[in-house]
PDB file of N, CA and C in Angstrom:
ATOM      1  N   UNK A   1      -7.718  32.021 -38.928  1.00  0.00           N
ATOM      2  CA  UNK A   1      -6.884  33.271 -38.476  1.00  0.00           C
ATOM      3  C   UNK A   1      -5.760  32.949 -39.023  1.00  0.00           C
ATOM      4  N   UNK A   2      -5.372  33.717 -39.353  1.00  0.00           N
ATOM      5  CA  UNK A   2      -3.881  34.348 -39.719  1.00  0.00           C
ATOM      6  C   UNK A   2      -2.768  34.558 -38.794  1.00  0.00           C
ATOM      7  N   UNK A   3      -2.037  34.682 -38.642  1.00  0.00           N
ATOM      8  CA  UNK A   3      -0.778  34.367 -37.911  1.00  0.00           C
ATOM      9  C   UNK A   3       0.504  34.192 -38.008  1.00  0.00           C
ATOM     10  N   UNK A   4       1.640  35.122 -37.323  1.00  0.00           N
ATOM     11  CA  UNK A   4       3.034  35.766 -38.114  1.00  0.00           C
ATOM     12  C   UNK A   4       3.929  35.260 -36.979  1.00  0.00           C
ATOM     13  N   UNK A   5       4.635  35.169 -37.142  1.00  0.00           N
ATOM     14  CA  UNK A   5       6.066  35.407 -36.306  1.00  0.00           C
ATOM     15  C   UNK A   5       7.467  35.592 -37.118  1.00  0.00           C
ATOM     16  N   UNK A   6       8.423  36.477 -35.929  1.00  0.00           N
ATOM     17  CA  UNK A   6       9.639  36.532 -36.999  1.00  0.00           C
ATOM     18  C   UNK A   6      10.539  35.949 -35.854  1.00  0.00           C
ATOM     19  N   UNK A   7      11.600  35.183 -35.892  1.00  0.00           N
ATOM     20  CA  UNK A   7      12.313  34.588 -35.095  1.00  0.00           C
ATOM     21  C   UNK A   7      13.916  35.037 -35.672  1.00  0.00           C
ATOM     22  N   UNK A   8      14.441  35.758 -35.189  1.00  0.00           N
ATOM     23  CA  UNK A   8      15.623  36.482 -35.516  1.00  0.00           C
ATOM     24  C   UNK A   8      16.845  35.415 -34.806  1.00  0.00           C
ATOM     25  N   UNK A   9      17.811  34.419 -35.412  1.00  0.00           N
ATOM     26  CA  UNK A   9      19.043  33.880 -34.933  1.00  0.00           C
ATOM     27  C   UNK A   9      20.445  33.672 -35.688  1.00  0.00           C
ATOM     28  N   UNK A  10      21.343  33.249 -34.861  1.00  0.00           N
ATOM     29  CA  UNK A  10      22.680  33.022 -35.618  1.00  0.00           C
ATOM     30  C   UNK A  10      22.913  32.256 -36.271  1.00  0.00           C
ATOM     31  N   UNK A  11      23.260  31.623 -37.491  1.00  0.00           N
ATOM     32  CA  UNK A  11      23.358  30.464 -37.815  1.00  0.00           C
ATOM     33  C   UNK A  11      24.866  31.035 -38.709  1.00  0.00           C
ATOM     34  N   UNK A  12      25.988  30.549 -37.929  1.00  0.00           N
ATOM     35  CA  UNK A  12      27.356  30.767 -38.495  1.00  0.00           C
ATOM     36  C   UNK A  12      27.587  31.109 -39.610  1.00  0.00           C
ATOM     37  N   UNK A  13      28.004  31.803 -40.312  1.00  0.00           N
ATOM     38  CA  UNK A  13      28.773  33.165 -39.782  1.00  0.00           C
ATOM     39  C   UNK A  13      27.651  34.402 -39.910  1.00  0.00           C
ATOM     40  N   UNK A  14      26.361  34.174 -40.238  1.00  0.00           N
ATOM     41  CA  UNK A  14      25.420  35.131 -40.416  1.00  0.00           C
ATOM     42  C   UNK A  14      23.774  34.827 -39.689  1.00  0.00           C
ATOM     43  N   UNK A  15      23.900  36.243 -39.381  1.00  0.00           N
ATOM     44  CA  UNK A  15      22.443  36.034 -38.818  1.00  0.00           C
ATOM     45  C   UNK A  15      20.981  36.249 -39.913  1.00  0.00           C
ATOM     46  N   UNK A  16      19.897  35.287 -38.897  1.00  0.00           N
ATOM     47  CA  UNK A  16      19.114  35.001 -40.387  1.00  0.00           C
ATOM     48  C   UNK A  16      17.984  35.140 -39.474  1.00  0.00           C
ATOM     49  N   UNK A  17      16.632  35.803 -40.625  1.00  0.00           N
ATOM     50  CA  UNK A  17      15.235  35.948 -39.833  1.00  0.00           C
ATOM     51  C   UNK A  17      14.458  34.526 -40.366  1.00  0.00           C
ATOM     52  N   UNK A  18      13.653  34.244 -39.666  1.00  0.00           N
ATOM     53  CA  UNK A  18      12.722  33.219 -39.639  1.00  0.00           C
ATOM     54  C   UNK A  18      11.289  33.544 -39.890  1.00  0.00           C
ATOM     55  N   UNK A  19      10.562  33.715 -40.816  1.00  0.00           N
ATOM     56  CA  UNK A  19       9.404  33.781 -40.820  1.00  0.00           C
ATOM     57  C   UNK A  19       7.993  33.022 -41.392  1.00  0.00           C
ATOM     58  N   UNK A  20       7.468  33.230 -40.255  1.00  0.00           N
ATOM     59  CA  UNK A  20       6.321  31.870 -39.953  1.00  0.00           C
ATOM     60  C   UNK A  20       5.365  32.833 -40.118  1.00  0.00           C
ATOM     61  N   UNK A  21       4.316  32.094 -40.902  1.00  0.00           N
ATOM     62  CA  UNK A  21       2.796  32.408 -41.407  1.00  0.00           C
ATOM     63  C   UNK A  21       2.338  31.360 -41.244  1.00  0.00           C
ATOM     64  N   UNK A  22       0.777  31.457 -40.244  1.00  0.00           N
ATOM     65  CA  UNK A  22       0.035  30.463 -40.126  1.00  0.00           C
ATOM     66  C   UNK A  22      -1.374  30.539 -40.710  1.00  0.00           C
ATOM     67  N   UNK A  23      -2.063  29.874 -41.647  1.00  0.00           N
ATOM     68  CA  UNK A  23      -3.237  30.652 -42.003  1.00  0.00           C
ATOM     69  C   UNK A  23      -4.098  29.016 -42.086  1.00  0.00           C
ATOM     70  N   UNK A  24      -5.379  29.440 -42.456  1.00  0.00           N
ATOM     71  CA  UNK A  24      -6.383  28.074 -42.972  1.00  0.00           C
ATOM     72  C   UNK A  24      -5.393  26.934 -43.625  1.00  0.00           C
ATOM     73  N   UNK A  25      -4.415  27.141 -44.498  1.00  0.00           N
ATOM     74  CA  UNK A  25      -3.566  26.147 -45.301  1.00  0.00           C
ATOM     75  C   UNK A  25      -2.879  25.464 -44.792  1.00  0.00           C
ATOM     76  N   UNK A  26      -2.235  26.239 -43.892  1.00  0.00           N
ATOM     77  CA  UNK A  26      -1.303  25.641 -42.861  1.00  0.00           C
ATOM     78  C   UNK A  26      -0.001  26.012 -42.535  1.00  0.00           C
ATOM     79  N   UNK A  27       1.168  25.969 -42.226  1.00  0.00           N
ATOM     80  CA  UNK A  27       2.460  26.845 -42.095  1.00  0.00           C
ATOM     81  C   UNK A  27       3.085  27.302 -43.427  1.00  0.00           C
ATOM     82  N   UNK A  28       3.458  28.262 -43.349  1.00  0.00           N
ATOM     83  CA  UNK A  28       4.020  28.973 -44.840  1.00  0.00           C
ATOM     84  C   UNK A  28       5.478  29.324 -44.143  1.00  0.00           C
ATOM     85  N   UNK A  29       6.672  29.398 -44.931  1.00  0.00           N
ATOM     86  CA  UNK A  29       8.108  29.694 -44.034  1.00  0.00           C
ATOM     87  C   UNK A  29       8.561  30.131 -45.156  1.00  0.00           C
ATOM     88  N   UNK A  30       9.715  31.406 -44.480  1.00  0.00           N
ATOM     89  CA  UNK A  30      10.240  32.401 -45.464  1.00  0.00           C
ATOM     90  C   UNK A  30      11.707  32.519 -44.959  1.00  0.00           C
ATOM     91  N   UNK A  31      12.962  31.937 -45.052  1.00  0.00           N
ATOM     92  CA  UNK A  31      14.253  32.349 -44.394  1.00  0.00           C
ATOM     93  C   UNK A  31      14.728  33.577 -44.988  1.00  0.00           C
ATOM     94  N   UNK A  32      15.582  34.854 -44.568  1.00  0.00           N
ATOM     95  CA  UNK A  32      16.288  35.585 -45.197  1.00  0.00           C
ATOM     96  C   UNK A  32      17.289  36.093 -44.275  1.00  0.00           C
ATOM     97  N   UNK A  33      18.385  36.018 -44.969  1.00  0.00           N
ATOM     98  CA  UNK A  33      19.664  36.585 -44.749  1.00  0.00           C
ATOM     99  C   UNK A  33      20.202  37.533 -44.259  1.00  0.00           C
ATOM    100  N   UNK A  34      20.399  38.204 -42.924  1.00  0.00           N
ATOM    101  CA  UNK A  34      20.988  39.322 -42.742  1.00  0.00           C
ATOM    102  C   UNK A  34      22.235  39.934 -42.847  1.00  0.00           C
ATOM    103  N   UNK A  35      22.970  39.020 -42.502  1.00  0.00           N
ATOM    104  CA  UNK A  35      24.565  39.462 -42.613  1.00  0.00           C
ATOM    105  C   UNK A  35      24.794  39.379 -40.859  1.00  0.00           C
ATOM    106  N   UNK A  36      25.103  40.819 -40.982  1.00  0.00           N
ATOM    107  CA  UNK A  36      25.562  41.027 -39.221  1.00  0.00           C
ATOM    108  C   UNK A  36      24.026  41.460 -38.809  1.00  0.00           C
ATOM    109  N   UNK A  37      24.392  41.442 -37.273  1.00  0.00           N
ATOM    110  CA  UNK A  37      22.892  41.384 -36.681  1.00  0.00           C
ATOM    111  C   UNK A  37      22.273  42.576 -36.484  1.00  0.00           C
ATOM    112  N   UNK A  38      20.715  42.598 -37.194  1.00  0.00           N
ATOM    113  CA  UNK A  38      20.212  43.995 -37.461  1.00  0.00           C
ATOM    114  C   UNK A  38      19.374  44.668 -36.077  1.00  0.00           C
ATOM    115  N   UNK A  39      19.692  45.453 -36.125  1.00  0.00           N
ATOM    116  CA  UNK A  39      19.033  46.350 -34.777  1.00  0.00           C
ATOM    117  C   UNK A  39      17.462  46.309 -35.086  1.00  0.00           C
ATOM    118  N   UNK A  40      16.917  46.305 -33.984  1.00  0.00           N
ATOM    119  CA  UNK A  40      15.122  46.121 -34.086  1.00  0.00           C
ATOM    120  C   UNK A  40      14.380  47.215 -35.130  1.00  0.00           C
ATOM    121  N   UNK A  41      15.283  48.305 -35.133  1.00  0.00           N
ATOM    122  CA  UNK A  41      14.937  49.533 -36.095  1.00  0.00           C
ATOM    123  C   UNK A  41      15.232  48.929 -37.923  1.00  0.00           C
ATOM    124  N   UNK A  42      16.281  48.203 -37.878  1.00  0.00           N
ATOM    125  CA  UNK A  42      16.422  47.727 -39.302  1.00  0.00           C
ATOM    126  C   UNK A  42      15.255  46.627 -39.241  1.00  0.00           C
ATOM    127  N   UNK A  43      15.097  45.583 -38.785  1.00  0.00           N
ATOM    128  CA  UNK A  43      14.354  44.945 -38.883  1.00  0.00           C
ATOM    129  C   UNK A  43      13.071  45.192 -39.334  1.00  0.00           C
ATOM    130  N   UNK A  44      12.466  46.189 -38.457  1.00  0.00           N
ATOM    131  CA  UNK A  44      11.167  47.049 -39.247  1.00  0.00           C
ATOM    132  C   UNK A  44      10.984  47.630 -40.341  1.00  0.00           C
ATOM    133  N   UNK A  45      12.653  48.203 -40.812  1.00  0.00           N
ATOM    134  CA  UNK A  45      12.551  48.548 -41.696  1.00  0.00           C
ATOM    135  C   UNK A  45      12.047  47.830 -43.015  1.00  0.00           C
ATOM    136  N   UNK A  46      13.335  46.708 -43.086  1.00  0.00           N
ATOM    137  CA  UNK A  46      13.419  45.300 -43.577  1.00  0.00           C
ATOM    138  C   UNK A  46      11.720  45.049 -44.053  1.00  0.00           C
ATOM    139  N   UNK A  47      10.931  44.810 -42.805  1.00  0.00           N
ATOM    140  CA  UNK A  47       9.670  44.153 -42.954  1.00  0.00           C
ATOM    141  C   UNK A  47       8.726  45.480 -43.725  1.00  0.00           C
ATOM    142  N   UNK A  48       8.689  46.362 -43.347  1.00  0.00           N
ATOM    143  CA  UNK A  48       8.184  47.289 -44.471  1.00  0.00           C
ATOM    144  C   UNK A  48       8.257  47.352 -45.526  1.00  0.00           C
ATOM    145  N   UNK A  49       9.392  47.041 -46.089  1.00  0.00           N
ATOM    146  CA  UNK A  49       9.715  47.633 -47.274  1.00  0.00           C
ATOM    147  C   UNK A  49       9.785  46.031 -48.336  1.00  0.00           C
ATOM    148  N   UNK A  50       9.889  45.258 -47.517  1.00  0.00           N
ATOM    149  CA  UNK A  50      10.346  43.862 -48.437  1.00  0.00           C
ATOM    150  C   UNK A  50       9.002  42.509 -47.768  1.00  0.00           C
ATOM    151  N   UNK A  51       8.306  43.171 -47.040  1.00  0.00           N
ATOM    152  CA  UNK A  51       7.563  42.406 -46.831  1.00  0.00           C
ATOM    153  C   UNK A  51       6.509  41.399 -47.870  1.00  0.00           C
ATOM    154  N   UNK A  52       6.065  42.415 -48.781  1.00  0.00           N
ATOM    155  CA  UNK A  52       5.324  42.058 -50.043  1.00  0.00           C
ATOM    156  C   UNK A  52       6.420  41.192 -51.224  1.00  0.00           C
ATOM    157  N   UNK A  53       7.437  41.163 -50.810  1.00  0.00           N
ATOM    158  CA  UNK A  53       8.591  40.004 -51.918  1.00  0.00           C
ATOM    159  C   UNK A  53       8.914  38.888 -51.189  1.00  0.00           C
ATOM    160  N   UNK A  54       8.498  38.770 -49.789  1.00  0.00           N
ATOM    161  CA  UNK A  54       9.387  37.485 -49.363  1.00  0.00           C
ATOM    162  C   UNK A  54       8.365  36.354 -49.999  1.00  0.00           C
ATOM    163  N   UNK A  55       9.306  34.972 -50.564  1.00  0.00           N
ATOM    164  CA  UNK A  55       8.465  34.158 -50.579  1.00  0.00           C
ATOM    165  C   UNK A  55       8.405  32.639 -49.851  1.00  0.00           C
ATOM    166  N   UNK A  56       7.065  32.537 -49.261  1.00  0.00           N
ATOM    167  CA  UNK A  56       7.183  31.694 -48.582  1.00  0.00           C
ATOM    168  C   UNK A  56       6.609  29.969 -49.295  1.00  0.00           C
ATOM    169  N   UNK A  57       7.091  29.440 -48.369  1.00  0.00           N
ATOM    170  CA  UNK A  57       7.081  28.110 -49.121  1.00  0.00           C
ATOM    171  C   UNK A  57       5.672  27.362 -48.924  1.00  0.00           C
ATOM    172  N   UNK A  58       5.152  26.434 -50.090  1.00  0.00           N
ATOM    173  CA  UNK A  58       4.357  25.685 -49.602  1.00  0.00           C
ATOM    174  C   UNK A  58       3.407  25.480 -48.336  1.00  0.00           C
ATOM    175  N   UNK A  59       2.779  25.390 -48.101  1.00  0.00           N
ATOM    176  CA  UNK A  59       2.261  25.206 -46.857  1.00  0.00           C
ATOM    177  C   UNK A  59       2.378  23.798 -45.978  1.00  0.00           C
ATOM    178  N   UNK A  60       2.426  23.515 -44.689  1.00  0.00           N
ATOM    179  CA  UNK A  60       2.585  22.343 -44.420  1.00  0.00           C
ATOM    180  C   UNK A  60       1.687  22.342 -43.303  1.00  0.00           C
ATOM    181  N   UNK A  61       1.120  20.976 -43.124  1.00  0.00           N
ATOM    182  CA  UNK A  61       0.094  20.849 -42.008  1.00  0.00           C
ATOM    183  C   UNK A  61       0.441  21.260 -40.502  1.00  0.00           C
ATOM    184  N   UNK A  62      -0.069  21.640 -39.793  1.00  0.00           N
ATOM    185  CA  UNK A  62       0.312  22.131 -38.220  1.00  0.00           C
ATOM    186  C   UNK A  62      -0.845  21.498 -37.377  1.00  0.00           C
ATOM    187  N   UNK A  63      -0.312  20.746 -36.496  1.00  0.00           N
ATOM    188  CA  UNK A  63      -1.407  20.027 -35.816  1.00  0.00           C
ATOM    189  C   UNK A  63      -1.342  21.052 -34.689  1.00  0.00           C
ATOM    190  N   UNK A  64      -2.559  21.082 -34.548  1.00  0.00           N
ATOM    191  CA  UNK A  64      -3.181  21.707 -33.403  1.00  0.00           C
ATOM    192  C   UNK A  64      -3.108  21.794 -31.812  1.00  0.00           C
ATOM    193  N   UNK A  65      -2.277  23.002 -31.214  1.00  0.00           N
ATOM    194  CA  UNK A  65      -1.618  22.567 -30.145  1.00  0.00           C
ATOM    195  C   UNK A  65      -2.861  22.566 -29.225  1.00  0.00           C
ATOM    196  N   UNK A  66      -2.982  21.698 -27.943  1.00  0.00           N
ATOM    197  CA  UNK A  66      -3.175  21.933 -26.552  1.00  0.00           C
ATOM    198  C   UNK A  66      -3.049  22.145 -25.702  1.00  0.00           C
ATOM    199  N   UNK A  67      -3.559  23.187 -24.612  1.00  0.00           N
ATOM    200  CA  UNK A  67      -3.379  23.848 -23.406  1.00  0.00           C
ATOM    201  C   UNK A  67      -3.464  22.834 -22.400  1.00  0.00           C
ATOM    202  N   UNK A  68      -3.516  21.896 -22.669  1.00  0.00           N
ATOM    203  CA  UNK A  68      -3.616  21.381 -21.272  1.00  0.00           C
ATOM    204  C   UNK A  68      -2.413  21.110 -20.811  1.00  0.00           C
ATOM    205  N   UNK A  69      -2.000  21.089 -19.701  1.00  0.00           N
ATOM    206  CA  UNK A  69      -0.718  20.760 -18.739  1.00  0.00           C
ATOM    207  C   UNK A  69      -0.566  19.221 -18.372  1.00  0.00           C
ATOM    208  N   UNK A  70       0.917  18.958 -18.945  1.00  0.00           N
ATOM    209  CA  UNK A  70       0.514  17.503 -18.828  1.00  0.00           C
ATOM    210  C   UNK A  70       2.174  16.890 -17.565  1.00  0.00           C
ATOM    211  N   UNK A  71       2.154  15.960 -17.524  1.00  0.00           N
ATOM    212  CA  UNK A  71       3.135  15.444 -16.656  1.00  0.00           C
ATOM    213  C   UNK A  71       4.601  15.408 -16.970  1.00  0.00           C
ATOM    214  N   UNK A  72       5.644  16.132 -16.431  1.00  0.00           N
ATOM    215  CA  UNK A  72       6.753  16.706 -17.218  1.00  0.00           C
ATOM    216  C   UNK A  72       7.578  15.033 -17.788  1.00  0.00           C
ATOM    217  N   UNK A  73       7.706  14.130 -17.095  1.00  0.00           N
ATOM    218  CA  UNK A  73       8.040  12.650 -17.454  1.00  0.00           C
ATOM    219  C   UNK A  73       7.245  12.278 -18.798  1.00  0.00           C
ATOM    220  N   UNK A  74       5.837  12.796 -18.714  1.00  0.00           N
ATOM    221  CA  UNK A  74       5.086  12.440 -19.749  1.00  0.00           C
ATOM    222  C   UNK A  74       5.568  12.932 -21.353  1.00  0.00           C
ATOM    223  N   UNK A  75       5.768  14.437 -20.932  1.00  0.00           N
ATOM    224  CA  UNK A  75       6.104  15.336 -21.635  1.00  0.00           C
ATOM    225  C   UNK A  75       7.313  14.788 -22.296  1.00  0.00           C
ATOM    226  N   UNK A  76       8.533  14.102 -22.047  1.00  0.00           N
ATOM    227  CA  UNK A  76       9.906  13.852 -21.791  1.00  0.00           C
ATOM    228  C   UNK A  76       9.820  12.846 -22.862  1.00  0.00           C
ATOM    229  N   UNK A  77       8.750  11.912 -22.314  1.00  0.00           N
ATOM    230  CA  UNK A  77       8.612  10.229 -23.139  1.00  0.00           C
ATOM    231  C   UNK A  77       7.971  10.916 -24.394  1.00  0.00           C
ATOM    232  N   UNK A  78       7.201  11.494 -24.694  1.00  0.00           N
ATOM    233  CA  UNK A  78       6.211  12.280 -25.871  1.00  0.00           C
ATOM    234  C   UNK A  78       7.861  12.874 -26.870  1.00  0.00           C
ATOM    235  N   UNK A  79       8.156  13.370 -25.960  1.00  0.00           N
ATOM    236  CA  UNK A  79       9.583  13.961 -26.755  1.00  0.00           C
ATOM    237  C   UNK A  79      10.479  13.486 -27.679  1.00  0.00           C
ATOM    238  N   UNK A  80      11.093  12.517 -26.557  1.00  0.00           N
ATOM    239  CA  UNK A  80      11.456  11.120 -27.186  1.00  0.00           C
ATOM    240  C   UNK A  80      10.998  10.561 -28.535  1.00  0.00           C
ATOM    241  N   UNK A  81       9.656  10.369 -28.148  1.00  0.00           N
ATOM    242  CA  UNK A  81       9.421   9.630 -29.447  1.00  0.00           C
ATOM    243  C   UNK A  81       9.030  10.097 -30.988  1.00  0.00           C
ATOM    244  N   UNK A  82       8.671  11.374 -30.485  1.00  0.00           N
ATOM    245  CA  UNK A  82       8.583  12.547 -31.884  1.00  0.00           C
ATOM    246  C   UNK A  82       9.838  12.505 -32.453  1.00  0.00           C
ATOM    247  N   UNK A  83      10.976  12.652 -31.743  1.00  0.00           N
ATOM    248  CA  UNK A  83      12.242  12.871 -32.092  1.00  0.00           C
ATOM    249  C   UNK A  83      13.025  11.424 -33.054  1.00  0.00           C
ATOM    250  N   UNK A  84      12.255  10.210 -32.606  1.00  0.00           N
ATOM    251  CA  UNK A  84      12.639   8.904 -33.253  1.00  0.00           C
ATOM    252  C   UNK A  84      11.800   8.985 -34.552  1.00  0.00           C
ATOM    253  N   UNK A  85      10.498   9.483 -34.493  1.00  0.00           N
ATOM    254  CA  UNK A  85      10.064   8.999 -35.936  1.00  0.00           C
ATOM    255  C   UNK A  85      10.163  10.569 -36.709  1.00  0.00           C
ATOM    256  N   UNK A  86      10.238  11.317 -36.114  1.00  0.00           N
ATOM    257  CA  UNK A  86      10.397  12.582 -37.398  1.00  0.00           C
ATOM    258  C   UNK A  86      11.991  13.260 -37.556  1.00  0.00           C
ATOM    259  N   UNK A  87      12.355  12.791 -36.218  1.00  0.00           N
ATOM    260  CA  UNK A  87      14.222  13.672 -36.539  1.00  0.00           C
ATOM    261  C   UNK A  87      14.206  14.942 -35.870  1.00  0.00           C
ATOM    262  N   UNK A  88      15.339  15.626 -36.279  1.00  0.00           N
ATOM    263  CA  UNK A  88      15.315  16.789 -35.509  1.00  0.00           C
ATOM    264  C   UNK A  88      14.841  18.039 -36.373  1.00  0.00           C
ATOM    265  N   UNK A  89      14.551  18.779 -36.233  1.00  0.00           N
ATOM    266  CA  UNK A  89      13.712  19.971 -36.582  1.00  0.00           C
ATOM    267  C   UNK A  89      13.032  20.722 -36.187  1.00  0.00           C
ATOM    268  N   UNK A  90      12.284  21.844 -36.543  1.00  0.00           N
ATOM    269  CA  UNK A  90      10.956  22.044 -36.110  1.00  0.00           C
ATOM    270  C   UNK A  90      10.130  22.360 -37.790  1.00  0.00           C
ATOM    271  N   UNK A  91       9.403  22.345 -37.528  1.00  0.00           N
ATOM    272  CA  UNK A  91       8.236  22.502 -38.786  1.00  0.00           C
ATOM    273  C   UNK A  91       8.798  23.453 -39.393  1.00  0.00           C
ATOM    274  N   UNK A  92       9.518  24.578 -39.289  1.00  0.00           N
ATOM    275  CA  UNK A  92       9.978  25.454 -40.232  1.00  0.00           C
ATOM    276  C   UNK A  92      10.985  25.120 -41.083  1.00  0.00           C
ATOM    277  N   UNK A  93      11.860  24.268 -40.014  1.00  0.00           N
ATOM    278  CA  UNK A  93      13.091  23.555 -40.596  1.00  0.00           C
ATOM    279  C   UNK A  93      12.780  22.525 -41.550  1.00  0.00           C
ATOM    280  N   UNK A  94      11.692  21.741 -41.571  1.00  0.00           N
ATOM    281  CA  UNK A  94      11.062  20.956 -42.509  1.00  0.00           C
ATOM    282  C   UNK A  94      10.404  21.561 -43.751  1.00  0.00           C
ATOM    283  N   UNK A  95       9.796  22.616 -43.137  1.00  0.00           N
ATOM    284  CA  UNK A  95       9.149  22.961 -44.685  1.00  0.00           C
ATOM    285  C   UNK A  95      10.204  23.842 -45.718  1.00  0.00           C
ATOM    286  N   UNK A  96      11.447  24.228 -44.951  1.00  0.00           N
ATOM    287  CA  UNK A  96      12.311  24.821 -45.579  1.00  0.00           C
ATOM    288  C   UNK A  96      13.320  23.914 -46.937  1.00  0.00           C
ATOM    289  N   UNK A  97      12.899  22.568 -46.007  1.00  0.00           N
ATOM    290  CA  UNK A  97      14.171  21.536 -46.445  1.00  0.00           C
ATOM    291  C   UNK A  97      12.946  21.289 -47.781  1.00  0.00           C
ATOM    292  N   UNK A  98      11.726  21.191 -47.521  1.00  0.00           N
ATOM    293  CA  UNK A  98      10.760  20.682 -48.356  1.00  0.00           C
ATOM    294  C   UNK A  98      11.173  21.519 -49.435  1.00  0.00           C
ATOM    295  N   UNK A  99      10.753  22.933 -49.357  1.00  0.00           N
ATOM    296  CA  UNK A  99      10.901  23.774 -50.681  1.00  0.00           C
ATOM    297  C   UNK A  99      11.813  23.907 -51.122  1.00  0.00           C
ATOM    298  N   UNK A 100      13.597  23.455 -50.268  1.00  0.00           N
ATOM    299  CA  UNK A 100      14.483  23.124 -51.257  1.00  0.00           C
ATOM    300  C   UNK A 100      14.590  22.269 -52.095  1.00  0.00           C
ATOM    301  N   UNK A 101      14.107  20.706 -51.395  1.00  0.00           N
ATOM    302  CA  UNK A 101      13.782  19.760 -52.431  1.00  0.00           C
ATOM    303  C   UNK A 101      13.349  19.984 -53.518  1.00  0.00           C
ATOM    304  N   UNK A 102      11.874  20.842 -53.359  1.00  0.00           N
ATOM    305  CA  UNK A 102      10.860  21.177 -54.733  1.00  0.00           C
ATOM    306  C   UNK A 102      11.799  21.903 -55.744  1.00  0.00           C
ATOM    307  N   UNK A 103      12.544  23.089 -55.549  1.00  0.00           N
ATOM    308  CA  UNK A 103      13.113  23.464 -56.292  1.00  0.00           C
ATOM    309  C   UNK A 103      14.429  23.045 -56.858  1.00  0.00           C
ATOM    310  N   UNK A 104      15.194  21.834 -56.213  1.00  0.00           N
ATOM    311  CA  UNK A 104      16.140  21.275 -56.756  1.00  0.00           C
ATOM    312  C   UNK A 104      15.813  20.279 -58.143  1.00  0.00           C
ATOM    313  N   UNK A 105      14.491  19.474 -57.594  1.00  0.00           N
ATOM    314  CA  UNK A 105      14.103  18.390 -58.412  1.00  0.00           C
ATOM    315  C   UNK A 105      13.241  19.375 -59.632  1.00  0.00           C
ATOM    316  N   UNK A 106      12.829  20.461 -59.397  1.00  0.00           N
ATOM    317  CA  UNK A 106      12.538  21.728 -61.014  1.00  0.00           C
ATOM    318  C   UNK A 106      13.801  21.703 -61.737  1.00  0.00           C
ATOM    319  N   UNK A 107      14.961  21.947 -61.017  1.00  0.00           N
ATOM    320  CA  UNK A 107      15.774  22.680 -61.733  1.00  0.00           C
ATOM    321  C   UNK A 107      16.767  21.418 -62.651  1.00  0.00           C
ATOM    322  N   UNK A 108      16.530  20.509 -61.792  1.00  0.00           N
ATOM    323  CA  UNK A 108      17.218  18.821 -62.094  1.00  0.00           C
ATOM    324  C   UNK A 108      16.206  18.337 -63.786  1.00  0.00           C
ATOM    325  N   UNK A 109      14.568  18.828 -63.201  1.00  0.00           N
ATOM    326  CA  UNK A 109      14.082  18.469 -64.679  1.00  0.00           C
ATOM    327  C   UNK A 109      14.835  19.366 -65.761  1.00  0.00           C
ATOM    328  N   UNK A 110      14.528  20.464 -65.415  1.00  0.00           N
ATOM    329  CA  UNK A 110      14.800  21.370 -66.599  1.00  0.00           C
ATOM    330  C   UNK A 110      16.297  21.130 -67.342  1.00  0.00           C
ATOM    331  N   UNK A 111      17.496  21.147 -66.775  1.00  0.00           N
ATOM    332  CA  UNK A 111      18.334  20.731 -66.838  1.00  0.00           C
ATOM    333  C   UNK A 111      18.510  19.421 -67.877  1.00  0.00           C
ATOM    334  N   UNK A 112      17.576  18.327 -67.384  1.00  0.00           N
ATOM    335  CA  UNK A 112      17.351  17.123 -68.006  1.00  0.00           C
ATOM    336  C   UNK A 112      16.569  17.346 -69.295  1.00  0.00           C
ATOM    337  N   UNK A 113      15.852  17.997 -69.673  1.00  0.00           N
ATOM    338  CA  UNK A 113      15.515  18.441 -70.482  1.00  0.00           C
ATOM    339  C   UNK A 113      16.101  18.893 -71.962  1.00  0.00           C
ATOM    340  N   UNK A 114      16.893  19.667 -71.313  1.00  0.00           N
ATOM    341  CA  UNK A 114      18.034  20.562 -72.000  1.00  0.00           C
ATOM    342  C   UNK A 114      18.981  19.687 -72.757  1.00  0.00           C
ATOM    343  N   UNK A 115      19.553  18.760 -71.527  1.00  0.00           N
ATOM    344  CA  UNK A 115      20.541  17.468 -71.648  1.00  0.00           C
ATOM    345  C   UNK A 115      19.463  16.687 -72.919  1.00  0.00           C
ATOM    346  N   UNK A 116      18.428  16.480 -73.224  1.00  0.00           N
ATOM    347  CA  UNK A 116      17.941  15.631 -73.830  1.00  0.00           C
ATOM    348  C   UNK A 116      17.398  16.543 -75.482  1.00  0.00           C
ATOM    349  N   UNK A 117      17.600  17.611 -75.256  1.00  0.00           N
ATOM    350  CA  UNK A 117      17.344  18.122 -76.565  1.00  0.00           C
ATOM    351  C   UNK A 117      18.678  18.341 -77.280  1.00  0.00           C
ATOM    352  N   UNK A 118      19.699  18.913 -76.630  1.00  0.00           N
ATOM    353  CA  UNK A 118      20.777  19.102 -76.717  1.00  0.00           C
ATOM    354  C   UNK A 118      21.534  17.684 -78.078  1.00  0.00           C
ATOM    355  N   UNK A 119      21.140  16.702 -76.737  1.00  0.00           N
ATOM    356  CA  UNK A 119      21.717  15.376 -77.905  1.00  0.00           C
ATOM    357  C   UNK A 119      20.889  14.926 -78.813  1.00  0.00           C
ATOM    358  N   UNK A 120      19.479  15.122 -79.049  1.00  0.00           N
ATOM    359  CA  UNK A 120      19.056  14.681 -80.082  1.00  0.00           C
ATOM    360  C   UNK A 120      19.376  15.778 -81.637  1.00  0.00           C
ATOM    361  N   UNK A 121      19.673  17.045 -81.101  1.00  0.00           N
ATOM    362  CA  UNK A 121      20.088  17.757 -82.430  1.00  0.00           C
ATOM    363  C   UNK A 121      21.693  17.362 -82.726  1.00  0.00           C
ATOM    364  N   UNK A 122      22.868  16.800 -81.688  1.00  0.00           N
ATOM    365  CA  UNK A 122      23.954  16.127 -82.194  1.00  0.00           C
ATOM    366  C   UNK A 122      23.782  15.260 -82.760  1.00  0.00           C
ATOM    367  N   UNK A 123      22.575  14.614 -82.809  1.00  0.00           N
ATOM    368  CA  UNK A 123      22.428  13.171 -83.576  1.00  0.00           C
ATOM    369  C   UNK A 123      22.126  13.298 -85.300  1.00  0.00           C
TER     370      UNK A 123
END
């Protein structure tokens, strides 16, 4: 089952859209900067015109959610435990961070290769 959500939020100084897409592989995420606060019409136009151009992150495993109601105190204990083990951030934020690290490591490899080639030609 494929599902998708769009969350629009304010990250000083711009409004951003956080596209989340869940499929059999996991959670894929894409971040888009809007600038000024977008209207509903502008958001719908953006989705219609640019959906195929969005570059989603690599899939991240998503734990299945359960619908069972839990005691609020138990929920609080579990939340504290999760924050200590994982740190602050949603799955989407963690997926974006992972994508940034992959791009950075690829860029570093490219520049390192160019550096080695340049040093070999100078010798």
